[in-house]
Amino acid sequence: MELRHLRTFLAAAETLSISAAARRLNVTQPALSRQIRELEREVGHSLFVRHPAGLRLTATGQALRERGAPALAKMEAALSFAQGEAAREPAVLRVGYYGTMVIWSRVLAPALEKRTRRQPEVTYAVQELTNAQMIVALRDGALDVAVLGPGDLPNAPGVTIETACEFPVSVLVALDHPLAKKRQLALEELRGQEIASLSPESAPGRDRALIAACRAADFTPRIFSAGATFQEALLLGAQRGAVGLAGTFGAGIRSTLFPGLACIPLKPPGILLPLHVAHAKSSVSARLLAETIGVEARRAAATKRA
């Protein structure tokens, strides 16, 4: 039973007049009569007795009126609620991401392209932020979606945070570094090397997996804080002859995303780091984008590296 048919029937049942019901619904009398006949065919019984003075409800019509009026009220309330929710959906989604070109090119950009095709009415304002900045922005309602790197992720009210995938880590060094010619590196070969990392303030807990892996290999890594952003850490690390670590999704990364640096995979088991996706619980559009980001992240993580 269509909503318009029930609405038409109830208007006629309340007024017991085709002309009065048509005026109430702002439709023509023939159109209203046609909808009532369609509903009667669907029900399989007459709903009205027509006579010159107007309409009279049949027993079937009376039963439908008694049950149909509350049903229509509920359906219209649900429709109004859904329309209100749609009106509250942001036309612009604010997206933050953990700043590496690998995450942008292999995960976030493909996800945004897919969501734009499926939901062209939504646009995206994207900015590179640290984990700490994104957590605060999510809590404050200043971000709708965030792609977060490894580190501590405290609970944020009204925010869903999920692990999208784990990605392998490669070693980044300047082209004149003694390790630059290596095709692969064992983790033990980082013994004694300075390792450039993000400042603890920008990504609390980020180095926990690195420290655990190095200790399992029987050494303690020499980590120093090289900057608040990933690009700063790489640049400062290369300038002082340190090594950097980066996730390297997929093939062709070494030649395209880290110019001026050698990118050397770690031999298995290596180090796997988590990639997290967070979104505002109140926004359907944010949830859909977060789900698409998760799909792209898992696809990228499963791609064989060059």
C-alpha atoms as a PDB file:
ATOM      1  CA  MET A   1       0.000   0.000   0.000  1.00  0.00           C
ATOM      2  CA  GLU A   2       1.440   3.329  -1.077  1.00  0.00           C
ATOM      3  CA  LEU A   3       1.605   6.225   1.357  1.00  0.00           C
ATOM      4  CA  ARG A   4      -0.278   8.504  -1.057  1.00  0.00           C
ATOM      5  CA  HIS A   5      -3.137   5.991  -1.310  1.00  0.00           C
ATOM      6  CA  LEU A   6      -3.514   5.811   2.456  1.00  0.00           C
ATOM      7  CA  ARG A   7      -3.349   9.594   2.774  1.00  0.00           C
ATOM      8  CA  THR A   8      -6.038   9.977   0.066  1.00  0.00           C
ATOM      9  CA  PHE A   9      -8.298   7.381   1.676  1.00  0.00           C
ATOM     10  CA  LEU A  10      -8.087   8.976   5.120  1.00  0.00           C
ATOM     11  CA  ALA A  11      -8.892  12.428   3.737  1.00  0.00           C
ATOM     12  CA  ALA A  12     -11.992  10.997   2.064  1.00  0.00           C
ATOM     13  CA  ALA A  13     -12.916   8.973   5.168  1.00  0.00           C
ATOM     14  CA  GLU A  14     -12.709  12.050   7.394  1.00  0.00           C
ATOM     15  CA  THR A  15     -14.660  14.388   5.099  1.00  0.00           C
ATOM     16  CA  LEU A  16     -16.976  11.777   3.502  1.00  0.00           C
ATOM     17  CA  SER A  17     -16.806  13.976   0.423  1.00  0.00           C
ATOM     18  CA  ILE A  18     -14.749  13.564  -2.746  1.00  0.00           C
ATOM     19  CA  SER A  19     -14.739  17.311  -3.409  1.00  0.00           C
ATOM     20  CA  ALA A  20     -13.766  18.245   0.161  1.00  0.00           C
ATOM     21  CA  ALA A  21     -11.007  15.619   0.251  1.00  0.00           C
ATOM     22  CA  ALA A  22      -9.687  16.820  -3.113  1.00  0.00           C
ATOM     23  CA  ARG A  23      -9.536  20.400  -1.839  1.00  0.00           C
ATOM     24  CA  ARG A  24      -7.743  19.306   1.333  1.00  0.00           C
ATOM     25  CA  LEU A  25      -5.087  17.435  -0.662  1.00  0.00           C
ATOM     26  CA  ASN A  26      -4.947  20.004  -3.463  1.00  0.00           C
ATOM     27  CA  VAL A  27      -5.665  17.427  -6.180  1.00  0.00           C
ATOM     28  CA  THR A  28      -8.419  17.098  -8.753  1.00  0.00           C
ATOM     29  CA  GLN A  29     -11.539  15.080  -7.965  1.00  0.00           C
ATOM     30  CA  PRO A  30     -10.915  12.581 -10.806  1.00  0.00           C
ATOM     31  CA  ALA A  31      -7.359  11.990  -9.567  1.00  0.00           C
ATOM     32  CA  LEU A  32      -8.585  11.415  -6.015  1.00  0.00           C
ATOM     33  CA  SER A  33     -11.350   9.049  -7.169  1.00  0.00           C
ATOM     34  CA  ARG A  34      -8.804   7.105  -9.241  1.00  0.00           C
ATOM     35  CA  GLN A  35      -6.492   6.642  -6.254  1.00  0.00           C
ATOM     36  CA  ILE A  36      -9.366   5.384  -4.100  1.00  0.00           C
ATOM     37  CA  ARG A  37     -10.340   2.854  -6.796  1.00  0.00           C
ATOM     38  CA  GLU A  38      -6.695   1.694  -6.997  1.00  0.00           C
ATOM     39  CA  LEU A  39      -6.642   1.180  -3.229  1.00  0.00           C
ATOM     40  CA  GLU A  40      -9.940  -0.716  -3.316  1.00  0.00           C
ATOM     41  CA  ARG A  41      -8.528  -3.042  -5.984  1.00  0.00           C
ATOM     42  CA  GLU A  42      -5.460  -3.629  -3.814  1.00  0.00           C
ATOM     43  CA  VAL A  43      -7.564  -4.303  -0.698  1.00  0.00           C
ATOM     44  CA  GLY A  44     -10.034  -6.446  -2.637  1.00  0.00           C
ATOM     45  CA  HIS A  45     -13.123  -4.794  -1.144  1.00  0.00           C
ATOM     46  CA  SER A  46     -15.071  -1.568  -1.483  1.00  0.00           C
ATOM     47  CA  LEU A  47     -14.119   1.051   1.077  1.00  0.00           C
ATOM     48  CA  PHE A  48     -16.998   3.454   0.459  1.00  0.00           C
ATOM     49  CA  VAL A  49     -20.626   3.358  -0.537  1.00  0.00           C
ATOM     50  CA  ARG A  50     -21.194   6.184  -3.020  1.00  0.00           C
ATOM     51  CA  HIS A  51     -24.529   8.020  -2.948  1.00  0.00           C
ATOM     52  CA  PRO A  52     -25.689  11.489  -4.102  1.00  0.00           C
ATOM     53  CA  ALA A  53     -25.267  13.035  -0.655  1.00  0.00           C
ATOM     54  CA  GLY A  54     -21.637  11.912  -0.394  1.00  0.00           C
ATOM     55  CA  LEU A  55     -19.736   8.876   0.884  1.00  0.00           C
ATOM     56  CA  ARG A  56     -20.336   6.309   3.589  1.00  0.00           C
ATOM     57  CA  LEU A  57     -17.676   3.957   4.901  1.00  0.00           C
ATOM     58  CA  THR A  58     -18.157   0.223   4.473  1.00  0.00           C
ATOM     59  CA  ALA A  59     -17.141  -2.124   7.288  1.00  0.00           C
ATOM     60  CA  THR A  60     -13.822  -2.658   5.505  1.00  0.00           C
ATOM     61  CA  GLY A  61     -13.398   1.093   5.109  1.00  0.00           C
ATOM     62  CA  GLN A  62     -14.144   1.674   8.794  1.00  0.00           C
ATOM     63  CA  ALA A  63     -11.554  -0.944   9.799  1.00  0.00           C
ATOM     64  CA  LEU A  64      -8.952   0.610   7.515  1.00  0.00           C
ATOM     65  CA  ARG A  65      -9.666   4.073   8.914  1.00  0.00           C
ATOM     66  CA  GLU A  66      -9.226   2.909  12.510  1.00  0.00           C
ATOM     67  CA  ARG A  67      -5.912   1.218  11.777  1.00  0.00           C
ATOM     68  CA  GLY A  68      -4.721   3.419   8.950  1.00  0.00           C
ATOM     69  CA  ALA A  69      -4.804   6.758  10.783  1.00  0.00           C
ATOM     70  CA  PRO A  70      -2.224   5.747  13.443  1.00  0.00           C
ATOM     71  CA  ALA A  71      -0.132   4.005  10.780  1.00  0.00           C
ATOM     72  CA  LEU A  72      -0.090   7.127   8.613  1.00  0.00           C
ATOM     73  CA  ALA A  73       0.893   9.287  11.590  1.00  0.00           C
ATOM     74  CA  LYS A  74       3.818   6.966  12.357  1.00  0.00           C
ATOM     75  CA  MET A  75       4.946   6.865   8.734  1.00  0.00           C
ATOM     76  CA  GLU A  76       4.779  10.631   8.381  1.00  0.00           C
ATOM     77  CA  ALA A  77       6.702  11.074  11.637  1.00  0.00           C
ATOM     78  CA  ALA A  78       9.372   8.664  10.382  1.00  0.00           C
ATOM     79  CA  LEU A  79       9.536  10.497   7.067  1.00  0.00           C
ATOM     80  CA  SER A  80       9.842  13.848   8.820  1.00  0.00           C
ATOM     81  CA  PHE A  81      12.621  12.483  11.040  1.00  0.00           C
ATOM     82  CA  ALA A  82      14.499  11.099   8.025  1.00  0.00           C
ATOM     83  CA  GLN A  83      14.181  14.408   6.201  1.00  0.00           C
ATOM     84  CA  GLY A  84      15.459  16.217   9.278  1.00  0.00           C
ATOM     85  CA  GLU A  85      18.436  13.887   9.500  1.00  0.00           C
ATOM     86  CA  ALA A  86      19.187  14.461   5.828  1.00  0.00           C
ATOM     87  CA  ALA A  87      19.033  18.210   6.366  1.00  0.00           C
ATOM     88  CA  ARG A  88      21.597  17.886   9.152  1.00  0.00           C
ATOM     89  CA  GLU A  89      24.015  15.920   6.960  1.00  0.00           C
ATOM     90  CA  PRO A  90      26.976  18.175   6.169  1.00  0.00           C
ATOM     91  CA  ALA A  91      27.350  19.345   2.575  1.00  0.00           C
ATOM     92  CA  VAL A  92      31.105  19.502   3.218  1.00  0.00           C
ATOM     93  CA  LEU A  93      32.859  16.701   5.076  1.00  0.00           C
ATOM     94  CA  ARG A  94      35.991  17.771   6.934  1.00  0.00           C
ATOM     95  CA  VAL A  95      38.670  15.111   6.576  1.00  0.00           C
ATOM     96  CA  GLY A  96      42.024  14.890   8.310  1.00  0.00           C
ATOM     97  CA  TYR A  97      44.752  12.413   7.517  1.00  0.00           C
ATOM     98  CA  TYR A  98      48.031  11.156   8.879  1.00  0.00           C
ATOM     99  CA  GLY A  99      50.445  12.941   6.597  1.00  0.00           C
ATOM    100  CA  THR A 100      52.263  10.695   4.202  1.00  0.00           C
ATOM    101  CA  MET A 101      51.944  10.748   0.435  1.00  0.00           C
ATOM    102  CA  VAL A 102      51.542   6.977   0.558  1.00  0.00           C
ATOM    103  CA  ILE A 103      48.367   7.251   2.631  1.00  0.00           C
ATOM    104  CA  TRP A 104      47.060  10.017   0.388  1.00  0.00           C
ATOM    105  CA  SER A 105      47.791   8.379  -2.965  1.00  0.00           C
ATOM    106  CA  ARG A 106      47.013   4.756  -2.120  1.00  0.00           C
ATOM    107  CA  VAL A 107      44.164   5.099   0.361  1.00  0.00           C
ATOM    108  CA  LEU A 108      42.496   8.475   0.810  1.00  0.00           C
ATOM    109  CA  ALA A 109      42.479   9.806  -2.765  1.00  0.00           C
ATOM    110  CA  PRO A 110      40.893   6.627  -4.247  1.00  0.00           C
ATOM    111  CA  ALA A 111      38.296   6.597  -1.458  1.00  0.00           C
ATOM    112  CA  LEU A 112      37.354  10.242  -2.062  1.00  0.00           C
ATOM    113  CA  GLU A 113      37.061   9.601  -5.791  1.00  0.00           C
ATOM    114  CA  LYS A 114      34.662   6.698  -5.216  1.00  0.00           C
ATOM    115  CA  ARG A 115      32.523   8.586  -2.713  1.00  0.00           C
ATOM    116  CA  THR A 116      32.330  11.608  -5.035  1.00  0.00           C
ATOM    117  CA  ARG A 117      30.948   9.391  -7.793  1.00  0.00           C
ATOM    118  CA  ARG A 118      28.380   7.835  -5.466  1.00  0.00           C
ATOM    119  CA  GLN A 119      27.473  10.965  -3.485  1.00  0.00           C
ATOM    120  CA  PRO A 120      28.194  13.974  -5.724  1.00  0.00           C
ATOM    121  CA  GLU A 121      26.269  16.374  -3.487  1.00  0.00           C
ATOM    122  CA  VAL A 122      28.951  16.069  -0.790  1.00  0.00           C
ATOM    123  CA  THR A 123      32.309  17.837  -1.089  1.00  0.00           C
ATOM    124  CA  TYR A 124      35.441  17.292   0.993  1.00  0.00           C
ATOM    125  CA  ALA A 125      37.796  19.650   2.801  1.00  0.00           C
ATOM    126  CA  VAL A 126      41.005  17.682   3.388  1.00  0.00           C
ATOM    127  CA  GLN A 127      43.962  18.650   5.540  1.00  0.00           C
ATOM    128  CA  GLU A 128      47.102  16.965   6.793  1.00  0.00           C
ATOM    129  CA  LEU A 129      47.197  16.805  10.587  1.00  0.00           C
ATOM    130  CA  THR A 130      49.014  14.971  13.338  1.00  0.00           C
ATOM    131  CA  ASN A 131      47.315  12.205  15.284  1.00  0.00           C
ATOM    132  CA  ALA A 132      47.075  14.452  18.342  1.00  0.00           C
ATOM    133  CA  GLN A 133      45.475  17.273  16.335  1.00  0.00           C
ATOM    134  CA  MET A 134      42.943  14.905  14.785  1.00  0.00           C
ATOM    135  CA  ILE A 135      41.900  13.427  18.124  1.00  0.00           C
ATOM    136  CA  VAL A 136      41.231  16.923  19.505  1.00  0.00           C
ATOM    137  CA  ALA A 137      39.385  17.977  16.328  1.00  0.00           C
ATOM    138  CA  LEU A 138      37.208  14.860  16.414  1.00  0.00           C
ATOM    139  CA  ARG A 139      36.320  15.494  20.050  1.00  0.00           C
ATOM    140  CA  ASP A 140      35.489  19.130  19.314  1.00  0.00           C
ATOM    141  CA  GLY A 141      33.381  18.319  16.254  1.00  0.00           C
ATOM    142  CA  ALA A 142      35.841  20.117  13.967  1.00  0.00           C
ATOM    143  CA  LEU A 143      36.508  16.962  11.902  1.00  0.00           C
ATOM    144  CA  ASP A 144      34.047  14.459  10.446  1.00  0.00           C
ATOM    145  CA  VAL A 145      36.509  11.774   9.295  1.00  0.00           C
ATOM    146  CA  ALA A 146      40.135  11.085  10.200  1.00  0.00           C
ATOM    147  CA  VAL A 147      42.775   8.671   8.903  1.00  0.00           C
ATOM    148  CA  LEU A 148      45.054   8.088  11.873  1.00  0.00           C
ATOM    149  CA  GLY A 149      48.492   6.560  12.008  1.00  0.00           C
ATOM    150  CA  PRO A 150      49.898   4.309  14.729  1.00  0.00           C
ATOM    151  CA  GLY A 151      49.820   5.558  18.291  1.00  0.00           C
ATOM    152  CA  ASP A 152      47.587   5.935  21.310  1.00  0.00           C
ATOM    153  CA  LEU A 153      43.961   6.629  20.417  1.00  0.00           C
ATOM    154  CA  PRO A 154      41.913   7.665  23.460  1.00  0.00           C
ATOM    155  CA  ASN A 155      38.143   7.364  23.372  1.00  0.00           C
ATOM    156  CA  ALA A 156      36.322  10.360  21.924  1.00  0.00           C
ATOM    157  CA  PRO A 157      32.592  10.775  22.706  1.00  0.00           C
ATOM    158  CA  GLY A 158      30.436  10.560  19.591  1.00  0.00           C
ATOM    159  CA  VAL A 159      33.306   9.159  17.518  1.00  0.00           C
ATOM    160  CA  THR A 160      33.852   5.655  16.135  1.00  0.00           C
ATOM    161  CA  ILE A 161      37.494   4.578  15.713  1.00  0.00           C
ATOM    162  CA  GLU A 162      38.377   1.329  13.935  1.00  0.00           C
ATOM    163  CA  THR A 163      41.585  -0.292  12.708  1.00  0.00           C
ATOM    164  CA  ALA A 164      41.398  -0.426   8.909  1.00  0.00           C
ATOM    165  CA  CYS A 165      44.499  -2.537   8.268  1.00  0.00           C
ATOM    166  CA  GLU A 166      48.115  -3.149   9.145  1.00  0.00           C
ATOM    167  CA  PHE A 167      50.786  -2.046   6.696  1.00  0.00           C
ATOM    168  CA  PRO A 168      54.424  -3.078   6.244  1.00  0.00           C
ATOM    169  CA  VAL A 169      57.267  -0.709   7.058  1.00  0.00           C
ATOM    170  CA  SER A 170      60.265   0.144   4.884  1.00  0.00           C
ATOM    171  CA  VAL A 171      63.449   2.008   5.772  1.00  0.00           C
ATOM    172  CA  LEU A 172      64.100   5.411   4.193  1.00  0.00           C
ATOM    173  CA  VAL A 173      67.626   6.819   3.929  1.00  0.00           C
ATOM    174  CA  ALA A 174      69.398   9.518   1.946  1.00  0.00           C
ATOM    175  CA  LEU A 175      70.896   8.281  -1.328  1.00  0.00           C
ATOM    176  CA  ASP A 176      74.435   8.701   0.039  1.00  0.00           C
ATOM    177  CA  HIS A 177      73.710   6.719   3.206  1.00  0.00           C
ATOM    178  CA  PRO A 178      75.761   3.502   3.667  1.00  0.00           C
ATOM    179  CA  LEU A 179      72.545   1.442   3.640  1.00  0.00           C
ATOM    180  CA  ALA A 180      71.141   3.038   0.476  1.00  0.00           C
ATOM    181  CA  LYS A 181      72.380   0.311  -1.900  1.00  0.00           C
ATOM    182  CA  LYS A 182      70.767  -2.513   0.030  1.00  0.00           C
ATOM    183  CA  ARG A 183      67.860  -4.315  -1.642  1.00  0.00           C
ATOM    184  CA  GLN A 184      66.492  -5.517   1.704  1.00  0.00           C
ATOM    185  CA  LEU A 185      67.379  -4.942   5.313  1.00  0.00           C
ATOM    186  CA  ALA A 186      67.174  -7.161   8.340  1.00  0.00           C
ATOM    187  CA  LEU A 187      65.844  -5.331  11.365  1.00  0.00           C
ATOM    188  CA  GLU A 188      69.138  -6.077  13.149  1.00  0.00           C
ATOM    189  CA  GLU A 189      70.952  -3.863  10.630  1.00  0.00           C
ATOM    190  CA  LEU A 190      69.328  -0.843  12.273  1.00  0.00           C
ATOM    191  CA  ARG A 191      71.325  -1.533  15.433  1.00  0.00           C
ATOM    192  CA  GLY A 192      73.293   1.616  16.225  1.00  0.00           C
ATOM    193  CA  GLN A 193      71.463   3.691  13.584  1.00  0.00           C
ATOM    194  CA  GLU A 194      69.638   6.858  14.576  1.00  0.00           C
ATOM    195  CA  ILE A 195      65.952   6.499  13.705  1.00  0.00           C
ATOM    196  CA  ALA A 196      64.003   9.672  12.970  1.00  0.00           C
ATOM    197  CA  SER A 197      60.485   9.690  14.353  1.00  0.00           C
ATOM    198  CA  LEU A 198      57.623  12.047  15.056  1.00  0.00           C
ATOM    199  CA  SER A 199      57.596  13.982  18.289  1.00  0.00           C
ATOM    200  CA  PRO A 200      55.763  12.200  21.128  1.00  0.00           C
ATOM    201  CA  GLU A 201      53.387  15.163  21.404  1.00  0.00           C
ATOM    202  CA  SER A 202      52.185  14.789  17.800  1.00  0.00           C
ATOM    203  CA  ALA A 203      51.783  10.992  17.844  1.00  0.00           C
ATOM    204  CA  PRO A 204      51.804   9.577  21.387  1.00  0.00           C
ATOM    205  CA  GLY A 205      52.702   5.884  21.431  1.00  0.00           C
ATOM    206  CA  ARG A 206      53.683   5.765  17.758  1.00  0.00           C
ATOM    207  CA  ASP A 207      57.030   4.026  18.334  1.00  0.00           C
ATOM    208  CA  ARG A 208      55.731   1.273  20.590  1.00  0.00           C
ATOM    209  CA  ALA A 209      55.721  -1.409  17.855  1.00  0.00           C
ATOM    210  CA  LEU A 210      59.194  -0.376  16.655  1.00  0.00           C
ATOM    211  CA  ILE A 211      60.636  -0.562  20.161  1.00  0.00           C
ATOM    212  CA  ALA A 212      59.062  -3.976  20.769  1.00  0.00           C
ATOM    213  CA  ALA A 213      60.363  -5.379  17.467  1.00  0.00           C
ATOM    214  CA  CYS A 214      63.881  -4.095  18.082  1.00  0.00           C
ATOM    215  CA  ARG A 215      63.956  -5.479  21.610  1.00  0.00           C
ATOM    216  CA  ALA A 216      62.841  -8.833  20.231  1.00  0.00           C
ATOM    217  CA  ALA A 217      65.880  -8.593  17.931  1.00  0.00           C
ATOM    218  CA  ASP A 218      68.018  -7.974  21.048  1.00  0.00           C
ATOM    219  CA  PHE A 219      68.754  -4.271  20.721  1.00  0.00           C
ATOM    220  CA  THR A 220      67.281  -0.947  21.782  1.00  0.00           C
ATOM    221  CA  PRO A 221      66.585   1.493  18.947  1.00  0.00           C
ATOM    222  CA  ARG A 222      68.131   4.970  18.992  1.00  0.00           C
ATOM    223  CA  ILE A 223      65.030   7.043  18.328  1.00  0.00           C
ATOM    224  CA  PHE A 224      65.036  10.827  18.179  1.00  0.00           C
ATOM    225  CA  SER A 225      62.163  13.237  17.647  1.00  0.00           C
ATOM    226  CA  ALA A 226      62.691  14.875  14.283  1.00  0.00           C
ATOM    227  CA  GLY A 227      59.474  16.853  13.812  1.00  0.00           C
ATOM    228  CA  ALA A 228      55.739  17.127  14.300  1.00  0.00           C
ATOM    229  CA  THR A 229      54.876  15.919  10.785  1.00  0.00           C
ATOM    230  CA  PHE A 230      56.015  12.940   8.783  1.00  0.00           C
ATOM    231  CA  GLN A 231      57.648  15.086   6.092  1.00  0.00           C
ATOM    232  CA  GLU A 232      59.572  17.092   8.704  1.00  0.00           C
ATOM    233  CA  ALA A 233      60.831  13.902  10.324  1.00  0.00           C
ATOM    234  CA  LEU A 234      62.029  12.502   6.993  1.00  0.00           C
ATOM    235  CA  LEU A 235      63.784  15.719   5.988  1.00  0.00           C
ATOM    236  CA  LEU A 236      65.534  16.319   9.298  1.00  0.00           C
ATOM    237  CA  GLY A 237      66.416  12.659   9.608  1.00  0.00           C
ATOM    238  CA  ALA A 238      68.026  12.554   6.167  1.00  0.00           C
ATOM    239  CA  GLN A 239      69.981  15.739   6.868  1.00  0.00           C
ATOM    240  CA  ARG A 240      71.659  14.225   9.912  1.00  0.00           C
ATOM    241  CA  GLY A 241      72.240  10.805   8.368  1.00  0.00           C
ATOM    242  CA  ALA A 242      69.481   9.049  10.283  1.00  0.00           C
ATOM    243  CA  VAL A 243      67.056   6.494   8.924  1.00  0.00           C
ATOM    244  CA  GLY A 244      63.311   6.940   8.694  1.00  0.00           C
ATOM    245  CA  LEU A 245      60.493   4.417   8.652  1.00  0.00           C
ATOM    246  CA  ALA A 246      57.427   4.599   6.444  1.00  0.00           C
ATOM    247  CA  GLY A 247      54.557   2.411   5.388  1.00  0.00           C
ATOM    248  CA  THR A 248      54.938   1.426   1.743  1.00  0.00           C
ATOM    249  CA  PHE A 249      51.665   0.233   0.276  1.00  0.00           C
ATOM    250  CA  GLY A 250      51.888  -1.376  -3.132  1.00  0.00           C
ATOM    251  CA  ALA A 251      54.364  -1.394  -5.977  1.00  0.00           C
ATOM    252  CA  GLY A 252      56.261   1.568  -7.381  1.00  0.00           C
ATOM    253  CA  ILE A 253      56.404   3.474  -4.114  1.00  0.00           C
ATOM    254  CA  ARG A 254      60.162   3.875  -4.053  1.00  0.00           C
ATOM    255  CA  SER A 255      60.377   5.779  -7.313  1.00  0.00           C
ATOM    256  CA  THR A 256      57.275   7.939  -7.037  1.00  0.00           C
ATOM    257  CA  LEU A 257      56.639   9.058  -3.485  1.00  0.00           C
ATOM    258  CA  PHE A 258      60.046   9.427  -1.867  1.00  0.00           C
ATOM    259  CA  PRO A 259      62.249  11.313  -4.358  1.00  0.00           C
ATOM    260  CA  GLY A 260      65.803  11.748  -3.168  1.00  0.00           C
ATOM    261  CA  LEU A 261      65.526   8.870  -0.723  1.00  0.00           C
ATOM    262  CA  ALA A 262      66.228   5.176  -0.965  1.00  0.00           C
ATOM    263  CA  CYS A 263      63.303   3.056   0.226  1.00  0.00           C
ATOM    264  CA  ILE A 264      64.412  -0.373   1.423  1.00  0.00           C
ATOM    265  CA  PRO A 265      61.960  -3.086   2.522  1.00  0.00           C
ATOM    266  CA  LEU A 266      62.548  -4.874   5.789  1.00  0.00           C
ATOM    267  CA  LYS A 267      63.020  -8.618   5.582  1.00  0.00           C
ATOM    268  CA  PRO A 268      60.189 -10.670   7.100  1.00  0.00           C
ATOM    269  CA  PRO A 269      58.790 -10.572   9.675  1.00  0.00           C
ATOM    270  CA  GLY A 270      59.613  -6.866   9.605  1.00  0.00           C
ATOM    271  CA  ILE A 271      57.271  -4.447  11.356  1.00  0.00           C
ATOM    272  CA  LEU A 272      53.557  -3.989  10.777  1.00  0.00           C
ATOM    273  CA  LEU A 273      51.884  -0.755  11.846  1.00  0.00           C
ATOM    274  CA  PRO A 274      48.137  -0.112  12.163  1.00  0.00           C
ATOM    275  CA  LEU A 275      46.138   2.410  10.164  1.00  0.00           C
ATOM    276  CA  HIS A 276      42.978   3.650  11.867  1.00  0.00           C
ATOM    277  CA  VAL A 277      39.868   5.372  10.522  1.00  0.00           C
ATOM    278  CA  ALA A 278      37.601   7.499  12.717  1.00  0.00           C
ATOM    279  CA  HIS A 279      34.280   9.153  11.946  1.00  0.00           C
ATOM    280  CA  ALA A 280      31.513  11.101  13.634  1.00  0.00           C
ATOM    281  CA  LYS A 281      28.736   8.713  14.680  1.00  0.00           C
ATOM    282  CA  SER A 282      26.047  11.281  13.896  1.00  0.00           C
ATOM    283  CA  SER A 283      26.840  11.551  10.168  1.00  0.00           C
ATOM    284  CA  VAL A 284      25.829   8.891   7.656  1.00  0.00           C
ATOM    285  CA  SER A 285      28.051  10.495   4.997  1.00  0.00           C
ATOM    286  CA  ALA A 286      31.036  10.366   7.351  1.00  0.00           C
ATOM    287  CA  ARG A 287      30.403   6.688   8.079  1.00  0.00           C
ATOM    288  CA  LEU A 288      30.164   5.866   4.373  1.00  0.00           C
ATOM    289  CA  LEU A 289      33.443   7.638   3.646  1.00  0.00           C
ATOM    290  CA  ALA A 290      35.141   5.892   6.583  1.00  0.00           C
ATOM    291  CA  GLU A 291      33.945   2.515   5.302  1.00  0.00           C
ATOM    292  CA  THR A 292      35.270   3.273   1.814  1.00  0.00           C
ATOM    293  CA  ILE A 293      38.621   4.376   3.252  1.00  0.00           C
ATOM    294  CA  GLY A 294      38.797   1.069   5.117  1.00  0.00           C
ATOM    295  CA  VAL A 295      38.174  -0.881   1.914  1.00  0.00           C
ATOM    296  CA  GLU A 296      40.890   1.039   0.056  1.00  0.00           C
ATOM    297  CA  ALA A 297      43.339   0.624   2.948  1.00  0.00           C
ATOM    298  CA  ARG A 298      42.874  -3.139   3.040  1.00  0.00           C
ATOM    299  CA  ARG A 299      43.232  -3.347  -0.723  1.00  0.00           C
ATOM    300  CA  ALA A 300      46.447  -1.341  -0.621  1.00  0.00           C
ATOM    301  CA  ALA A 301      47.853  -3.382   2.264  1.00  0.00           C
ATOM    302  CA  ALA A 302      47.200  -6.595   0.337  1.00  0.00           C
ATOM    303  CA  THR A 303      49.021  -5.346  -2.778  1.00  0.00           C
ATOM    304  CA  LYS A 304      52.406  -6.966  -3.327  1.00  0.00           C
ATOM    305  CA  ARG A 305      55.200  -4.474  -2.882  1.00  0.00           C
ATOM    306  CA  ALA A 306      57.803  -3.882  -5.567  1.00  0.00           C
END
